[in-house]
Every structure is written in structure tokens, then in C-alpha cells.
Amino acid sequence: MNERKFLVSAPPKPSIRPARISDLADLVDLLCQLFTIETDFIIDPSRHARGLRLLMRHARRGTAAVLVAQVGEDVVGMVTVQTVISTAEGARSGWIEDLVVRDGWRRSGIGSLLMDEVEHWARDAGVTRLQLLADNRNKPALDFYNRRGFSRNHMVFLRRASEHKDPDCDRSVD
């Protein structure tokens, strides 16, 4: 019997890296996907791009990180984290936002890779506590965070729009 062996190439392995300004269109697209789930937010690509530019500026200062998951040439996920000073902790605390994995890549371990890198960044940045907000209707996300050791608390998130215009919003990130 003549047996043939076929080589099947493994799927490309995801890598996690800091975001670049050239990733901006992909990151805005991912945020638009996220905000179709988190309906408390309005989809506004220009506003999202402005926010990402600000975060990238803060990343250069070491007070934030914008991380992407890349497979081949494609950006398939992202997460952001930024620091605040916590009087309860007496130290820096990290706010995780915008963890999103592109449709078709979810449940493939990319979210875990992104969170692993956020936790590594937080340790290096001297962050003593990580916190995040999640849509209470997004059960898959809540289950994911629970498996990673996040727990609900008794705090309630409240927000109010400000009339203040941030002067950083008008500066370029390049």
C-alpha cells in the first residue's frame, strides 16, 4: 500500500505587542465591535481614534499600555490599561479597558494572552490592584474575568459627562 504523508501547517501563533499608530484603523474597528456589545457607549470612530491616540501618548510615558494581538499580519485583539493612584491601596492601581477579540478568533486563547501581558505590564509598573468594568449582560466576558480571579464587589459605577475639553485631545500622537 502506498501511503502519502501530508504536511499540515499549524495555524499562525498569536503574538502580543504594543500598539503602533499604524494599527489605529484596526483598533477603532475592534472598539466598534466591542461597543455593539457594551451598549452604554456610542459608536463614534473619530472619538475612539482620539482616545487611542491619547492612550498611546500615555503609554510612551509609562502610565498606560495599548496592546494588540497579532496573527500573521492581522490585528485580532486588543486591550488597554492605565494607571491611577488609589488612596485605598496607597499605590498605583490599573484600570483595564477595551479587552476585545475579533469575531472568529474568540475562545482561541487570545484574550488570555492579552490579559497575561497586561498583568506583566502592571507588575513592572508597580500596580498593586487591577480593576475593570464589564457589561453585566455580557456573560461570556464575566465568566472569563471570573476564571482569571476577578470578582464583583459592592461598588457601583456612576458617570456624568463633563463640559471640560482636554487640551491633550488637540495634539498629535505621532
C-alpha atoms as a PDB file:
ATOM      1  CA  MET A   1       0.000   0.000   0.000  1.00  0.00           C
ATOM      2  CA  ASN A   2       1.343   3.381  -0.957  1.00  0.00           C
ATOM      3  CA  GLU A   3       0.982   5.841   1.923  1.00  0.00           C
ATOM      4  CA  ARG A   4       1.362   9.539   1.438  1.00  0.00           C
ATOM      5  CA  LYS A   5       2.222  11.884   4.203  1.00  0.00           C
ATOM      6  CA  PHE A   6       0.772  15.328   4.051  1.00  0.00           C
ATOM      7  CA  LEU A   7       2.270  18.158   5.966  1.00  0.00           C
ATOM      8  CA  VAL A   8      -0.338  20.282   7.614  1.00  0.00           C
ATOM      9  CA  SER A   9       0.964  23.606   8.701  1.00  0.00           C
ATOM     10  CA  ALA A  10      -0.008  24.748  12.146  1.00  0.00           C
ATOM     11  CA  PRO A  11      -2.085  27.906  12.329  1.00  0.00           C
ATOM     12  CA  PRO A  12      -0.006  31.015  12.919  1.00  0.00           C
ATOM     13  CA  LYS A  13       0.699  31.679  16.569  1.00  0.00           C
ATOM     14  CA  PRO A  14      -0.634  34.937  18.011  1.00  0.00           C
ATOM     15  CA  SER A  15       1.859  37.452  19.321  1.00  0.00           C
ATOM     16  CA  ILE A  16       1.216  40.307  21.736  1.00  0.00           C
ATOM     17  CA  ARG A  17       2.933  43.634  21.200  1.00  0.00           C
ATOM     18  CA  PRO A  18       2.449  47.332  21.934  1.00  0.00           C
ATOM     19  CA  ALA A  19       0.120  49.071  19.515  1.00  0.00           C
ATOM     20  CA  ARG A  20       1.521  51.326  16.833  1.00  0.00           C
ATOM     21  CA  ILE A  21      -0.146  54.340  15.279  1.00  0.00           C
ATOM     22  CA  SER A  22      -0.364  52.296  12.053  1.00  0.00           C
ATOM     23  CA  ASP A  23      -2.736  49.928  13.941  1.00  0.00           C
ATOM     24  CA  LEU A  24      -5.232  52.705  14.591  1.00  0.00           C
ATOM     25  CA  ALA A  25      -7.819  51.697  11.965  1.00  0.00           C
ATOM     26  CA  ASP A  26      -7.810  48.087  13.200  1.00  0.00           C
ATOM     27  CA  LEU A  27      -8.114  49.206  16.822  1.00  0.00           C
ATOM     28  CA  VAL A  28     -11.029  51.515  16.060  1.00  0.00           C
ATOM     29  CA  ASP A  29     -12.731  48.646  14.227  1.00  0.00           C
ATOM     30  CA  LEU A  30     -12.264  46.412  17.277  1.00  0.00           C
ATOM     31  CA  LEU A  31     -13.712  49.107  19.545  1.00  0.00           C
ATOM     32  CA  CYS A  32     -16.732  49.394  17.263  1.00  0.00           C
ATOM     33  CA  GLN A  33     -17.239  45.621  17.648  1.00  0.00           C
ATOM     34  CA  LEU A  34     -16.925  45.937  21.418  1.00  0.00           C
ATOM     35  CA  PHE A  35     -19.372  48.818  21.630  1.00  0.00           C
ATOM     36  CA  THR A  36     -22.031  46.835  19.795  1.00  0.00           C
ATOM     37  CA  ILE A  37     -21.936  44.574  22.887  1.00  0.00           C
ATOM     38  CA  GLU A  38     -21.426  47.294  25.504  1.00  0.00           C
ATOM     39  CA  THR A  39     -24.438  49.387  24.553  1.00  0.00           C
ATOM     40  CA  ASP A  40     -23.822  52.082  27.185  1.00  0.00           C
ATOM     41  CA  PHE A  41     -21.320  53.541  24.739  1.00  0.00           C
ATOM     42  CA  ILE A  42     -21.981  55.315  21.452  1.00  0.00           C
ATOM     43  CA  ILE A  43     -20.026  54.145  18.436  1.00  0.00           C
ATOM     44  CA  ASP A  44     -18.036  57.149  17.235  1.00  0.00           C
ATOM     45  CA  PRO A  45     -14.876  56.147  15.317  1.00  0.00           C
ATOM     46  CA  SER A  46     -13.318  59.620  15.426  1.00  0.00           C
ATOM     47  CA  ARG A  47     -13.765  59.804  19.202  1.00  0.00           C
ATOM     48  CA  HIS A  48     -12.353  56.280  19.596  1.00  0.00           C
ATOM     49  CA  ALA A  49      -9.317  57.187  17.473  1.00  0.00           C
ATOM     50  CA  ARG A  50      -8.745  60.311  19.588  1.00  0.00           C
ATOM     51  CA  GLY A  51      -8.903  58.231  22.783  1.00  0.00           C
ATOM     52  CA  LEU A  52      -6.470  55.680  21.401  1.00  0.00           C
ATOM     53  CA  ARG A  53      -4.015  58.415  20.423  1.00  0.00           C
ATOM     54  CA  LEU A  54      -4.179  59.800  23.968  1.00  0.00           C
ATOM     55  CA  LEU A  55      -3.592  56.349  25.438  1.00  0.00           C
ATOM     56  CA  MET A  56      -0.631  55.791  23.120  1.00  0.00           C
ATOM     57  CA  ARG A  57       0.851  59.082  24.318  1.00  0.00           C
ATOM     58  CA  HIS A  58       0.422  57.964  27.932  1.00  0.00           C
ATOM     59  CA  ALA A  59       1.931  54.587  27.025  1.00  0.00           C
ATOM     60  CA  ARG A  60       5.124  56.380  25.988  1.00  0.00           C
ATOM     61  CA  ARG A  61       5.155  57.964  29.467  1.00  0.00           C
ATOM     62  CA  GLY A  62       4.763  54.557  31.131  1.00  0.00           C
ATOM     63  CA  THR A  63       1.337  55.288  32.642  1.00  0.00           C
ATOM     64  CA  ALA A  64      -0.682  53.223  30.174  1.00  0.00           C
ATOM     65  CA  ALA A  65      -0.400  50.389  27.693  1.00  0.00           C
ATOM     66  CA  VAL A  66      -2.243  49.673  24.473  1.00  0.00           C
ATOM     67  CA  LEU A  67      -1.571  46.084  23.483  1.00  0.00           C
ATOM     68  CA  VAL A  68      -2.548  44.210  20.358  1.00  0.00           C
ATOM     69  CA  ALA A  69      -2.778  40.549  19.489  1.00  0.00           C
ATOM     70  CA  GLN A  70      -1.453  39.877  16.015  1.00  0.00           C
ATOM     71  CA  VAL A  71      -1.761  36.727  13.927  1.00  0.00           C
ATOM     72  CA  GLY A  72       0.306  36.921  10.780  1.00  0.00           C
ATOM     73  CA  GLU A  73      -0.275  40.460   9.565  1.00  0.00           C
ATOM     74  CA  ASP A  74      -3.737  40.768  11.152  1.00  0.00           C
ATOM     75  CA  VAL A  75      -4.589  42.563  14.393  1.00  0.00           C
ATOM     76  CA  VAL A  76      -7.132  40.227  16.003  1.00  0.00           C
ATOM     77  CA  GLY A  77      -7.441  41.646  19.510  1.00  0.00           C
ATOM     78  CA  MET A  78      -6.571  44.480  21.835  1.00  0.00           C
ATOM     79  CA  VAL A  79      -6.607  45.624  25.437  1.00  0.00           C
ATOM     80  CA  THR A  80      -5.786  48.873  27.194  1.00  0.00           C
ATOM     81  CA  VAL A  81      -4.698  49.561  30.755  1.00  0.00           C
ATOM     82  CA  GLN A  82      -3.901  52.813  32.503  1.00  0.00           C
ATOM     83  CA  THR A  83      -2.813  53.737  35.976  1.00  0.00           C
ATOM     84  CA  VAL A  84      -4.500  55.822  38.624  1.00  0.00           C
ATOM     85  CA  ILE A  85      -3.470  56.491  42.204  1.00  0.00           C
ATOM     86  CA  SER A  86      -5.597  54.606  44.714  1.00  0.00           C
ATOM     87  CA  THR A  87      -5.885  56.111  48.180  1.00  0.00           C
ATOM     88  CA  ALA A  88      -7.352  52.791  49.368  1.00  0.00           C
ATOM     89  CA  GLU A  89      -4.235  50.963  48.180  1.00  0.00           C
ATOM     90  CA  GLY A  90      -1.816  53.786  48.829  1.00  0.00           C
ATOM     91  CA  ALA A  91      -0.299  52.923  45.463  1.00  0.00           C
ATOM     92  CA  ARG A  92      -0.901  52.765  41.738  1.00  0.00           C
ATOM     93  CA  SER A  93      -3.940  50.865  40.533  1.00  0.00           C
ATOM     94  CA  GLY A  94      -4.565  49.744  36.961  1.00  0.00           C
ATOM     95  CA  TRP A  95      -7.794  50.243  35.038  1.00  0.00           C
ATOM     96  CA  ILE A  96      -8.232  47.646  32.311  1.00  0.00           C
ATOM     97  CA  GLU A  97     -10.470  48.658  29.450  1.00  0.00           C
ATOM     98  CA  ASP A  98     -11.281  47.605  25.935  1.00  0.00           C
ATOM     99  CA  LEU A  99     -10.401  43.927  26.000  1.00  0.00           C
ATOM    100  CA  VAL A 100     -11.813  42.709  22.715  1.00  0.00           C
ATOM    101  CA  VAL A 101     -11.007  39.844  20.373  1.00  0.00           C
ATOM    102  CA  ARG A 102     -12.195  39.928  16.785  1.00  0.00           C
ATOM    103  CA  ASP A 103     -15.134  37.706  15.846  1.00  0.00           C
ATOM    104  CA  GLY A 104     -13.791  34.405  14.567  1.00  0.00           C
ATOM    105  CA  TRP A 105     -10.822  34.486  16.964  1.00  0.00           C
ATOM    106  CA  ARG A 106     -12.759  34.397  20.226  1.00  0.00           C
ATOM    107  CA  ARG A 107     -12.307  31.374  22.507  1.00  0.00           C
ATOM    108  CA  SER A 108      -8.881  30.705  20.986  1.00  0.00           C
ATOM    109  CA  GLY A 109      -6.803  31.890  23.957  1.00  0.00           C
ATOM    110  CA  ILE A 110      -6.089  35.370  22.611  1.00  0.00           C
ATOM    111  CA  GLY A 111      -7.974  37.125  25.418  1.00  0.00           C
ATOM    112  CA  SER A 112      -5.901  35.198  27.954  1.00  0.00           C
ATOM    113  CA  LEU A 113      -2.670  36.127  26.171  1.00  0.00           C
ATOM    114  CA  LEU A 114      -3.670  39.790  26.229  1.00  0.00           C
ATOM    115  CA  MET A 115      -4.570  39.641  29.931  1.00  0.00           C
ATOM    116  CA  ASP A 116      -1.307  37.824  30.740  1.00  0.00           C
ATOM    117  CA  GLU A 117       0.602  40.674  29.119  1.00  0.00           C
ATOM    118  CA  VAL A 118      -1.475  43.312  30.960  1.00  0.00           C
ATOM    119  CA  GLU A 119      -0.654  41.585  34.257  1.00  0.00           C
ATOM    120  CA  HIS A 120       3.039  41.501  33.353  1.00  0.00           C
ATOM    121  CA  TRP A 121       2.945  45.207  32.437  1.00  0.00           C
ATOM    122  CA  ALA A 122       1.139  46.003  35.708  1.00  0.00           C
ATOM    123  CA  ARG A 123       3.765  44.200  37.808  1.00  0.00           C
ATOM    124  CA  ASP A 124       6.545  46.094  36.037  1.00  0.00           C
ATOM    125  CA  ALA A 125       4.642  49.384  36.523  1.00  0.00           C
ATOM    126  CA  GLY A 126       4.252  48.845  40.280  1.00  0.00           C
ATOM    127  CA  VAL A 127       0.492  48.411  40.087  1.00  0.00           C
ATOM    128  CA  THR A 128      -0.921  46.747  43.219  1.00  0.00           C
ATOM    129  CA  ARG A 129      -4.501  46.190  42.039  1.00  0.00           C
ATOM    130  CA  LEU A 130      -6.152  45.666  38.661  1.00  0.00           C
ATOM    131  CA  GLN A 131      -9.768  46.581  38.123  1.00  0.00           C
ATOM    132  CA  LEU A 132     -12.158  46.728  35.229  1.00  0.00           C
ATOM    133  CA  LEU A 133     -15.730  47.340  34.266  1.00  0.00           C
ATOM    134  CA  ALA A 134     -17.698  44.784  32.291  1.00  0.00           C
ATOM    135  CA  ASP A 135     -21.196  44.893  30.865  1.00  0.00           C
ATOM    136  CA  ASN A 136     -23.326  42.864  33.267  1.00  0.00           C
ATOM    137  CA  ARG A 137     -25.219  41.424  30.270  1.00  0.00           C
ATOM    138  CA  ASN A 138     -22.029  40.007  28.714  1.00  0.00           C
ATOM    139  CA  LYS A 139     -21.962  36.600  30.424  1.00  0.00           C
ATOM    140  CA  PRO A 140     -19.023  35.208  28.397  1.00  0.00           C
ATOM    141  CA  ALA A 141     -16.873  38.187  29.447  1.00  0.00           C
ATOM    142  CA  LEU A 142     -17.962  37.951  33.084  1.00  0.00           C
ATOM    143  CA  ASP A 143     -17.175  34.223  33.130  1.00  0.00           C
ATOM    144  CA  PHE A 144     -13.762  34.920  31.556  1.00  0.00           C
ATOM    145  CA  TYR A 145     -12.880  37.540  34.178  1.00  0.00           C
ATOM    146  CA  ASN A 146     -14.116  35.284  36.972  1.00  0.00           C
ATOM    147  CA  ARG A 147     -11.832  32.475  35.755  1.00  0.00           C
ATOM    148  CA  ARG A 148      -8.945  34.962  35.840  1.00  0.00           C
ATOM    149  CA  GLY A 149      -9.581  35.790  39.501  1.00  0.00           C
ATOM    150  CA  PHE A 150     -11.614  38.983  39.179  1.00  0.00           C
ATOM    151  CA  SER A 151     -14.598  39.227  41.489  1.00  0.00           C
ATOM    152  CA  ARG A 152     -17.578  41.505  41.842  1.00  0.00           C
ATOM    153  CA  ASN A 153     -17.642  43.992  44.668  1.00  0.00           C
ATOM    154  CA  HIS A 154     -20.201  46.303  46.203  1.00  0.00           C
ATOM    155  CA  MET A 155     -19.108  49.397  44.310  1.00  0.00           C
ATOM    156  CA  VAL A 156     -21.440  50.847  41.678  1.00  0.00           C
ATOM    157  CA  PHE A 157     -20.154  52.620  38.602  1.00  0.00           C
ATOM    158  CA  LEU A 158     -21.682  56.060  38.070  1.00  0.00           C
ATOM    159  CA  ARG A 159     -20.783  58.516  35.366  1.00  0.00           C
ATOM    160  CA  ARG A 160     -21.527  62.041  34.297  1.00  0.00           C
ATOM    161  CA  ALA A 161     -20.331  63.846  31.197  1.00  0.00           C
ATOM    162  CA  SER A 162     -18.038  66.809  31.728  1.00  0.00           C
ATOM    163  CA  GLU A 163     -18.069  70.040  29.788  1.00  0.00           C
ATOM    164  CA  HIS A 164     -14.275  70.255  30.188  1.00  0.00           C
ATOM    165  CA  LYS A 165     -12.257  69.952  27.000  1.00  0.00           C
ATOM    166  CA  ASP A 166      -8.980  68.099  27.448  1.00  0.00           C
ATOM    167  CA  PRO A 167      -6.185  70.134  25.800  1.00  0.00           C
ATOM    168  CA  ASP A 168      -4.336  66.869  25.048  1.00  0.00           C
ATOM    169  CA  CYS A 169      -7.117  65.947  22.622  1.00  0.00           C
ATOM    170  CA  ASP A 170      -5.893  68.508  20.128  1.00  0.00           C
ATOM    171  CA  ARG A 171      -2.290  67.328  19.988  1.00  0.00           C
ATOM    172  CA  SER A 172      -0.988  64.703  17.592  1.00  0.00           C
ATOM    173  CA  VAL A 173       0.403  61.413  18.924  1.00  0.00           C
ATOM    174  CA  ASP A 174       2.928  60.975  16.134  1.00  0.00           C
END
